[in-house]
Amino acid sequence: MARGGPESSRTRSCIAKASGSSGHDLVPVAPHQLESPVGQLLEQILQTHPHLLPAAIDQQLENLQNEKDAQKEERPPSSMDLSLYKRIAQVKEKDRQKILEEIMYCWIVHKFVDKEILMIPKISSTSDPSGRVDFWPNQEMKLESVHSAEALEMIQNHVALVLGDRVVGPLQSVVQISKIKLGKLYAASIMYGYFLKRVDERFQLERSMNTLPEGFKEQQSSFADPSVPQSPFWDPDSLIRIQPDYDMEDEGLMGGGGGDDKMYRLRSYVMYLDAETLQRYATIRSKEAISLIEKQTQALFGRPDIKVSEDGSLGASNDEVVNVTFSGLTMLVLEAVAFGSFLWDAENYVESRYQFLKS
C-alpha cells in the first residue's frame, strides 16, 4: 500500500470526515455488534460511506502491522519487571486480535452489502404470537449468485441433505426446531461454505490451467464417500458428504455424453481428493475466523446456558423452540454458506496485508 502520497492523503481525509458524522441513529446491517473503536468506526463508514470502507480497512491493517512491527523492536525498560512487560505485550496482542476480527467481520458484511443482500437479524420468537421467526425477505437467488455454478451444485445438495426433500410440501410449511439446533446448523453451514470456497478456488485454477489430474475421469467411480473430519462446530447430521448413491453416469461425469464442463464437476473433484487434503481444506486456518463463526452464530441465536444435571447429562436452560418455514430455513443455510465463503476471502485479503497466520 502506497504511503504518504496525495491520493493516500485524500483517502485518509475522507475517512476522517466519515468518522466525524453522527452514527447514533443508524440501523445495524449485521447482527454482531462491534466493540472496539476501530470496529465501530468501520461499521459507521460501512453504513454512511460504504465506498470508503476498503480504503479504511487497508489503513487500519497498515496501522496494526506498524504497531506489531514496533512492538517486536521494543526492549523492556530496565526498571520494569520482565513478567509484567510480557503480560502487557500479551494484552496488546489480544487487543490487536480483537481489532483484526472486527476488520474481517466488516469486510464480510461489506460483501453482503455490495451484493445488496440483507443479513438476517437476531432470531427472536417474541415478535409474533405464533413464535414464528423468519420474517426476512426471500433472497435465495441473490445468495446463490455469489457462488460459481459448480459450487452452487454442491450447495443445493447440502441444502437437500440438511433440510430434507423440500418438494414434498410447500415452502411456507412451518416446522418447529430449537434455537440451539438452528445455531448448530448455521455454524456447520458457515464451515461448509468456507471449505467449499477453498476447494473451488483450487478446482477453478487447475481447470483454467488444464492441470486436472491425469486419469481423473476414468478413476472417479473408485473413490469412497469422503467426509470432512469432525470439528466442534459440525452437527453430525450436517457433514460435507458425497452421497454414495450419487449416479455419475446420470450427471455425465463418466464416459459418454456431456462436454468438458460436465466431465469436471467440482463434486467429482472433491471425491478425487485424498483424506489428508480434505482434512487440510476443511480446517479453519486462523483463530480469528473461528471466533467470528462463534460470534456470528451467537449474535443470531444467543449464547446457550449449558447446565449439567445430576446424572451427568448436558442441557441448555435457555433453549427455546421456534417456528420457522422451510423457506426461512433455506435462507438461514444459504446465508451461512455465503458467510463462510466470504470468511475465506476475508482471511486471504487480511493475510495479504497483515502477518497474522502462522506459516
Protein backbone atom coordinates (compact mmCIF):
# COMPACT_ATOMS: atom_id res chain seq x y z
CA MET A 1 0.00 0.00 0.00
CA ALA A 2 1.42 3.38 -1.00
CA ARG A 3 2.26 5.64 1.89
CA GLY A 4 2.16 9.38 2.16
CA GLY A 5 1.11 10.17 -1.43
CA PRO A 6 -1.53 12.72 -2.44
CA GLU A 7 -4.16 10.04 -3.11
CA SER A 8 -3.47 8.44 0.27
CA SER A 9 -3.90 11.82 1.99
CA ARG A 10 -7.23 12.42 0.28
CA THR A 11 -8.47 8.96 1.28
CA ARG A 12 -7.46 9.46 4.90
CA SER A 13 -9.20 12.86 4.90
CA CYS A 14 -12.43 11.29 3.61
CA ILE A 15 -12.29 8.59 6.27
CA ALA A 16 -11.72 11.16 8.99
CA LYS A 17 -14.76 13.11 7.82
CA ALA A 18 -16.87 9.97 7.78
CA SER A 19 -15.85 9.17 11.34
CA GLY A 20 -16.96 12.60 12.45
CA SER A 21 -20.58 12.14 11.43
CA SER A 22 -23.16 11.01 13.95
CA GLY A 23 -23.96 7.30 13.80
CA HIS A 24 -26.32 7.00 16.75
CA ASP A 25 -29.44 6.67 14.58
CA LEU A 26 -28.00 4.15 12.11
CA VAL A 27 -29.73 0.81 11.78
CA PRO A 28 -27.30 -2.13 12.17
CA VAL A 29 -26.71 -4.03 8.94
CA ALA A 30 -25.42 -7.17 10.71
CA PRO A 31 -26.41 -8.99 13.93
CA HIS A 32 -22.98 -8.95 15.59
CA GLN A 33 -22.25 -5.57 17.15
CA LEU A 34 -18.63 -4.46 17.19
CA GLU A 35 -16.94 -3.22 20.37
CA SER A 36 -13.50 -1.81 19.58
CA PRO A 37 -13.15 1.85 18.49
CA VAL A 38 -11.72 0.66 15.17
CA GLY A 39 -14.58 -1.77 14.61
CA GLN A 40 -17.20 0.86 15.43
CA LEU A 41 -15.52 3.34 13.10
CA LEU A 42 -15.52 0.84 10.23
CA GLU A 43 -19.12 -0.12 10.98
CA GLN A 44 -20.12 3.55 10.76
CA ILE A 45 -18.23 4.03 7.49
CA LEU A 46 -19.91 0.91 6.11
CA GLN A 47 -23.33 2.42 6.76
CA THR A 48 -22.64 6.02 5.77
CA HIS A 49 -19.89 5.84 3.13
CA PRO A 50 -19.58 2.16 2.07
CA HIS A 51 -17.40 3.06 -0.93
CA LEU A 52 -14.71 4.24 1.51
CA LEU A 53 -14.64 1.03 3.53
CA PRO A 54 -11.95 -0.84 1.52
CA ALA A 55 -9.53 2.09 1.91
CA ALA A 56 -10.41 2.38 5.60
CA ILE A 57 -9.74 -1.34 6.12
CA ASP A 58 -6.38 -1.08 4.35
CA GLN A 59 -5.47 1.88 6.54
CA GLN A 60 -6.36 0.02 9.75
CA LEU A 61 -4.44 -3.09 8.67
CA GLU A 62 -1.41 -0.91 7.96
CA ASN A 63 -1.74 0.61 11.43
CA LEU A 64 -1.91 -2.83 13.02
CA GLN A 65 1.15 -4.04 11.12
CA ASN A 66 3.12 -0.94 12.12
CA GLU A 67 2.17 -1.44 15.77
CA LYS A 68 3.15 -5.10 15.63
CA ASP A 69 6.49 -4.32 13.99
CA ALA A 70 7.21 -1.59 16.53
CA GLN A 71 6.43 -3.92 19.43
CA LYS A 72 8.88 -6.51 18.08
CA GLU A 73 11.66 -3.93 18.18
CA GLU A 74 10.81 -2.77 21.70
CA ARG A 75 13.05 -3.65 24.62
CA PRO A 76 11.65 -3.77 28.16
CA PRO A 77 12.75 -0.82 30.33
CA SER A 78 15.37 -1.81 32.87
CA SER A 79 13.10 -0.60 35.66
CA MET A 80 10.18 -2.87 34.60
CA ASP A 81 9.70 -6.44 35.77
CA LEU A 82 10.06 -8.83 32.81
CA SER A 83 6.92 -10.79 33.65
CA LEU A 84 4.91 -7.54 33.77
CA TYR A 85 6.33 -6.50 30.42
CA LYS A 86 5.28 -9.84 28.91
CA ARG A 87 1.75 -9.50 30.29
CA ILE A 88 1.45 -6.03 28.76
CA ALA A 89 2.64 -7.41 25.42
CA GLN A 90 0.03 -10.19 25.64
CA VAL A 91 -2.73 -7.66 26.33
CA LYS A 92 -1.64 -5.61 23.30
CA GLU A 93 -1.64 -8.70 21.11
CA LYS A 94 -5.11 -9.67 22.35
CA ASP A 95 -6.37 -6.17 21.52
CA ARG A 96 -4.91 -6.46 18.02
CA GLN A 97 -6.59 -9.83 17.57
CA LYS A 98 -9.97 -8.34 18.51
CA ILE A 99 -9.47 -5.45 16.10
CA LEU A 100 -8.44 -7.91 13.40
CA GLU A 101 -11.60 -9.97 13.95
CA GLU A 102 -13.76 -6.89 13.64
CA ILE A 103 -11.94 -5.75 10.50
CA MET A 104 -12.61 -9.18 8.98
CA TYR A 105 -16.26 -9.00 10.04
CA CYS A 106 -16.70 -5.59 8.40
CA TRP A 107 -15.08 -6.96 5.24
CA ILE A 108 -17.57 -9.86 5.21
CA VAL A 109 -20.58 -7.62 5.87
CA HIS A 110 -19.42 -5.27 3.13
CA LYS A 111 -19.59 -8.20 0.69
CA PHE A 112 -23.24 -8.75 1.64
CA VAL A 113 -23.96 -5.02 1.29
CA ASP A 114 -22.18 -4.90 -2.06
CA LYS A 115 -24.38 -7.76 -3.31
CA GLU A 116 -27.48 -5.96 -1.95
CA ILE A 117 -28.18 -8.88 0.41
CA LEU A 118 -29.88 -8.04 3.70
CA MET A 119 -28.37 -10.10 6.52
CA ILE A 120 -30.76 -11.96 8.83
CA PRO A 121 -31.27 -10.09 12.13
CA LYS A 122 -31.16 -11.64 15.61
CA ILE A 123 -33.63 -14.53 15.87
CA SER A 124 -36.44 -13.68 18.29
CA SER A 125 -39.73 -15.50 18.85
CA THR A 126 -41.30 -12.61 20.79
CA SER A 127 -42.14 -10.53 17.71
CA ASP A 128 -45.01 -12.82 16.65
CA PRO A 129 -47.66 -14.55 18.81
CA SER A 130 -47.20 -17.79 16.88
CA GLY A 131 -43.48 -17.89 17.69
CA ARG A 132 -42.56 -17.76 14.01
CA VAL A 133 -39.19 -16.09 13.49
CA ASP A 134 -38.49 -15.94 9.75
CA PHE A 135 -39.98 -12.65 8.59
CA TRP A 136 -36.96 -11.72 6.48
CA PRO A 137 -37.23 -11.33 2.67
CA ASN A 138 -36.60 -14.24 0.33
CA GLN A 139 -33.14 -13.66 -1.15
CA GLU A 140 -32.44 -17.16 -2.42
CA MET A 141 -31.38 -16.04 -5.90
CA LYS A 142 -29.05 -13.33 -4.57
CA LEU A 143 -27.43 -15.71 -2.10
CA GLU A 144 -26.93 -18.34 -4.79
CA SER A 145 -25.41 -15.81 -7.20
CA VAL A 146 -22.28 -15.32 -5.06
CA HIS A 147 -21.03 -18.82 -5.93
CA SER A 148 -19.70 -20.44 -9.07
CA ALA A 149 -22.04 -22.74 -10.97
CA GLU A 150 -20.02 -25.76 -9.83
CA ALA A 151 -20.09 -24.72 -6.16
CA LEU A 152 -23.81 -23.96 -6.38
CA GLU A 153 -24.49 -27.56 -7.43
CA MET A 154 -22.88 -28.78 -4.20
CA ILE A 155 -24.64 -26.14 -2.11
CA GLN A 156 -28.00 -27.27 -3.42
CA ASN A 157 -27.07 -30.80 -2.41
CA HIS A 158 -26.06 -29.53 1.04
CA VAL A 159 -29.43 -27.80 1.45
CA ALA A 160 -31.22 -31.01 0.43
CA LEU A 161 -29.17 -33.03 2.93
CA VAL A 162 -29.79 -30.79 5.93
CA LEU A 163 -33.39 -29.83 5.22
CA GLY A 164 -34.66 -32.96 3.52
CA ASP A 165 -36.62 -33.03 0.30
CA ARG A 166 -38.42 -29.68 0.28
CA VAL A 167 -40.62 -30.58 -2.71
CA VAL A 168 -42.81 -32.81 -0.55
CA GLY A 169 -44.53 -29.79 0.93
CA PRO A 170 -44.98 -26.04 0.44
CA LEU A 171 -42.01 -23.83 1.26
CA GLN A 172 -44.25 -21.93 3.67
CA SER A 173 -44.90 -25.06 5.75
CA VAL A 174 -43.88 -24.35 9.34
CA VAL A 175 -41.60 -26.63 11.34
CA GLN A 176 -40.62 -26.43 15.00
CA ILE A 177 -36.94 -26.52 15.90
CA SER A 178 -34.84 -25.47 18.88
CA LYS A 179 -32.64 -22.40 18.58
CA ILE A 180 -29.60 -24.41 19.62
CA LYS A 181 -30.15 -26.85 16.75
CA LEU A 182 -30.62 -23.91 14.39
CA GLY A 183 -27.35 -22.45 15.66
CA LYS A 184 -25.51 -25.72 15.09
CA LEU A 185 -26.92 -25.94 11.57
CA TYR A 186 -25.92 -22.33 10.85
CA ALA A 187 -22.35 -22.74 12.17
CA ALA A 188 -21.94 -26.02 10.27
CA SER A 189 -23.09 -24.33 7.08
CA ILE A 190 -20.59 -21.49 7.57
CA MET A 191 -17.83 -24.08 7.74
CA TYR A 192 -19.23 -25.81 4.68
CA GLY A 193 -19.13 -22.53 2.74
CA TYR A 194 -15.55 -21.91 3.90
CA PHE A 195 -14.47 -25.38 2.80
CA LEU A 196 -16.33 -25.16 -0.49
CA LYS A 197 -14.85 -21.78 -1.48
CA ARG A 198 -11.38 -23.04 -0.62
CA VAL A 199 -11.62 -26.20 -2.70
CA ASP A 200 -13.49 -24.42 -5.52
CA GLU A 201 -10.61 -21.96 -5.90
CA ARG A 202 -8.21 -24.85 -6.37
CA PHE A 203 -10.57 -26.60 -8.78
CA GLN A 204 -11.12 -23.49 -10.91
CA LEU A 205 -7.36 -22.80 -11.03
CA GLU A 206 -6.50 -26.35 -12.07
CA ARG A 207 -9.23 -26.37 -14.69
CA SER A 208 -8.16 -23.00 -16.15
CA MET A 209 -4.54 -24.19 -16.33
CA ASN A 210 -5.54 -27.58 -17.70
CA THR A 211 -3.74 -29.32 -14.83
CA LEU A 212 -6.54 -31.51 -13.50
CA PRO A 213 -5.06 -34.89 -12.53
CA GLU A 214 -4.43 -37.43 -15.26
CA GLY A 215 -6.92 -40.27 -15.23
CA PHE A 216 -9.34 -38.09 -13.28
CA LYS A 217 -12.30 -39.01 -15.49
CA GLU A 218 -11.57 -42.70 -15.62
CA GLN A 219 -10.93 -43.18 -11.90
CA GLN A 220 -13.72 -41.11 -10.36
CA SER A 221 -16.04 -44.02 -9.64
CA SER A 222 -13.46 -45.79 -7.46
CA PHE A 223 -13.35 -43.15 -4.73
CA ALA A 224 -15.15 -43.61 -1.46
CA ASP A 225 -17.55 -41.19 0.14
CA PRO A 226 -15.28 -38.57 1.81
CA SER A 227 -16.48 -36.73 4.87
CA VAL A 228 -14.87 -33.68 6.38
CA PRO A 229 -13.37 -34.64 9.77
CA GLN A 230 -15.24 -33.83 12.94
CA SER A 231 -14.89 -30.38 14.46
CA PRO A 232 -16.61 -28.68 17.39
CA PHE A 233 -18.87 -26.75 15.02
CA TRP A 234 -20.21 -29.65 12.97
CA ASP A 235 -23.59 -31.15 13.58
CA PRO A 236 -23.27 -34.90 12.78
CA ASP A 237 -26.43 -34.55 10.68
CA SER A 238 -24.84 -31.85 8.53
CA LEU A 239 -21.47 -33.11 7.31
CA ILE A 240 -19.91 -32.36 3.97
CA ARG A 241 -20.56 -35.58 2.15
CA ILE A 242 -20.83 -37.01 -1.33
CA GLN A 243 -23.88 -39.24 -1.41
CA PRO A 244 -22.86 -42.87 -2.08
CA ASP A 245 -25.88 -43.40 -4.29
CA TYR A 246 -24.89 -40.46 -6.49
CA ASP A 247 -25.06 -41.65 -10.11
CA MET A 248 -22.14 -40.18 -12.03
CA GLU A 249 -23.28 -41.52 -15.36
CA ASP A 250 -26.62 -39.75 -14.99
CA GLU A 251 -24.72 -36.49 -14.48
CA GLY A 252 -22.42 -37.01 -17.45
CA LEU A 253 -19.42 -37.44 -15.18
CA MET A 254 -18.26 -40.71 -16.67
CA GLY A 255 -17.65 -41.58 -20.28
CA GLY A 256 -20.29 -40.79 -22.86
CA GLY A 257 -22.42 -37.68 -23.18
CA GLY A 258 -21.77 -34.20 -21.87
CA GLY A 259 -18.89 -31.84 -22.56
CA ASP A 260 -15.83 -30.97 -20.55
CA ASP A 261 -17.84 -28.90 -18.05
CA LYS A 262 -19.84 -31.97 -17.05
CA MET A 263 -16.77 -34.21 -17.04
CA TYR A 264 -15.07 -31.99 -14.45
CA ARG A 265 -17.74 -31.32 -11.85
CA LEU A 266 -16.49 -29.82 -8.59
CA ARG A 267 -18.46 -32.52 -6.80
CA SER A 268 -16.46 -35.22 -8.53
CA TYR A 269 -13.20 -33.30 -7.95
CA VAL A 270 -13.85 -33.34 -4.19
CA MET A 271 -14.25 -37.11 -4.39
CA TYR A 272 -10.86 -37.32 -6.09
CA LEU A 273 -9.02 -35.54 -3.25
CA ASP A 274 -7.26 -37.70 -0.68
CA ALA A 275 -8.22 -37.68 3.01
CA GLU A 276 -5.21 -35.56 4.05
CA THR A 277 -6.05 -32.85 1.52
CA LEU A 278 -9.70 -32.86 2.58
CA GLN A 279 -8.61 -32.51 6.21
CA ARG A 280 -6.46 -29.50 5.34
CA TYR A 281 -9.16 -27.80 3.28
CA ALA A 282 -11.79 -28.37 5.97
CA THR A 283 -9.59 -26.79 8.68
CA ILE A 284 -10.21 -23.18 9.64
CA ARG A 285 -6.80 -21.55 9.37
CA SER A 286 -7.00 -18.73 11.92
CA LYS A 287 -8.29 -18.37 15.46
CA GLU A 288 -9.84 -15.08 14.36
CA ALA A 289 -12.03 -16.90 11.81
CA ILE A 290 -13.08 -19.50 14.40
CA SER A 291 -14.02 -16.71 16.81
CA LEU A 292 -16.09 -14.98 14.11
CA ILE A 293 -18.05 -18.18 13.43
CA GLU A 294 -18.88 -18.37 17.13
CA LYS A 295 -19.78 -14.69 17.46
CA GLN A 296 -21.93 -14.55 14.32
CA THR A 297 -23.85 -17.65 15.44
CA GLN A 298 -24.30 -16.35 18.99
CA ALA A 299 -25.41 -12.95 17.68
CA LEU A 300 -28.22 -14.66 15.74
CA PHE A 301 -29.32 -17.37 18.17
CA GLY A 302 -27.99 -16.30 21.57
CA ARG A 303 -25.43 -17.97 23.81
CA PRO A 304 -26.71 -21.23 25.30
CA ASP A 305 -26.50 -21.55 29.08
CA ILE A 306 -25.22 -25.11 29.38
CA LYS A 307 -26.27 -26.99 32.53
CA VAL A 308 -25.00 -30.34 33.82
CA SER A 309 -27.66 -32.45 35.52
CA GLU A 310 -27.08 -34.87 38.40
CA ASP A 311 -26.92 -37.84 36.05
CA GLY A 312 -24.16 -36.14 34.05
CA SER A 313 -26.25 -35.25 31.02
CA LEU A 314 -25.90 -31.85 29.37
CA GLY A 315 -28.74 -29.44 28.67
CA ALA A 316 -29.36 -25.77 27.99
CA SER A 317 -31.56 -23.82 30.37
CA ASN A 318 -32.27 -21.04 27.88
CA ASP A 319 -33.05 -23.09 24.78
CA GLU A 320 -36.42 -22.48 23.15
CA VAL A 321 -38.39 -24.00 20.32
CA VAL A 322 -39.22 -21.61 17.47
CA ASN A 323 -41.41 -21.86 14.40
CA VAL A 324 -39.75 -21.41 11.03
CA THR A 325 -40.81 -22.15 7.46
CA PHE A 326 -38.84 -24.31 5.05
CA SER A 327 -38.21 -21.12 3.09
CA GLY A 328 -36.76 -19.45 6.19
CA LEU A 329 -34.55 -22.46 6.92
CA THR A 330 -33.28 -22.32 3.36
CA MET A 331 -32.37 -18.64 3.79
CA LEU A 332 -30.50 -19.39 7.01
CA VAL A 333 -28.46 -22.15 5.38
CA LEU A 334 -27.73 -20.14 2.22
CA GLU A 335 -26.69 -17.06 4.23
CA ALA A 336 -24.39 -19.19 6.38
CA VAL A 337 -22.76 -20.77 3.33
CA ALA A 338 -22.24 -17.32 1.79
CA PHE A 339 -20.80 -16.07 5.12
CA GLY A 340 -18.33 -18.97 5.09
CA SER A 341 -17.32 -18.21 1.51
CA PHE A 342 -16.77 -14.54 2.35
CA LEU A 343 -14.89 -15.56 5.51
CA TRP A 344 -12.34 -17.44 3.40
CA ASP A 345 -11.96 -14.39 1.14
CA ALA A 346 -11.62 -12.06 4.13
CA GLU A 347 -8.94 -14.24 5.70
CA ASN A 348 -6.95 -14.21 2.46
CA TYR A 349 -7.37 -10.47 1.98
CA VAL A 350 -6.24 -9.65 5.51
CA GLU A 351 -3.31 -12.06 5.27
CA SER A 352 -2.05 -10.25 2.17
CA ARG A 353 -1.73 -7.05 4.22
CA TYR A 354 -1.11 -8.18 7.78
CA GLN A 355 1.03 -11.03 9.10
CA PHE A 356 -1.24 -12.95 11.44
CA LEU A 357 -1.30 -16.55 10.19
CA LYS A 358 1.43 -18.93 11.30
CA SER A 359 3.34 -20.40 8.38
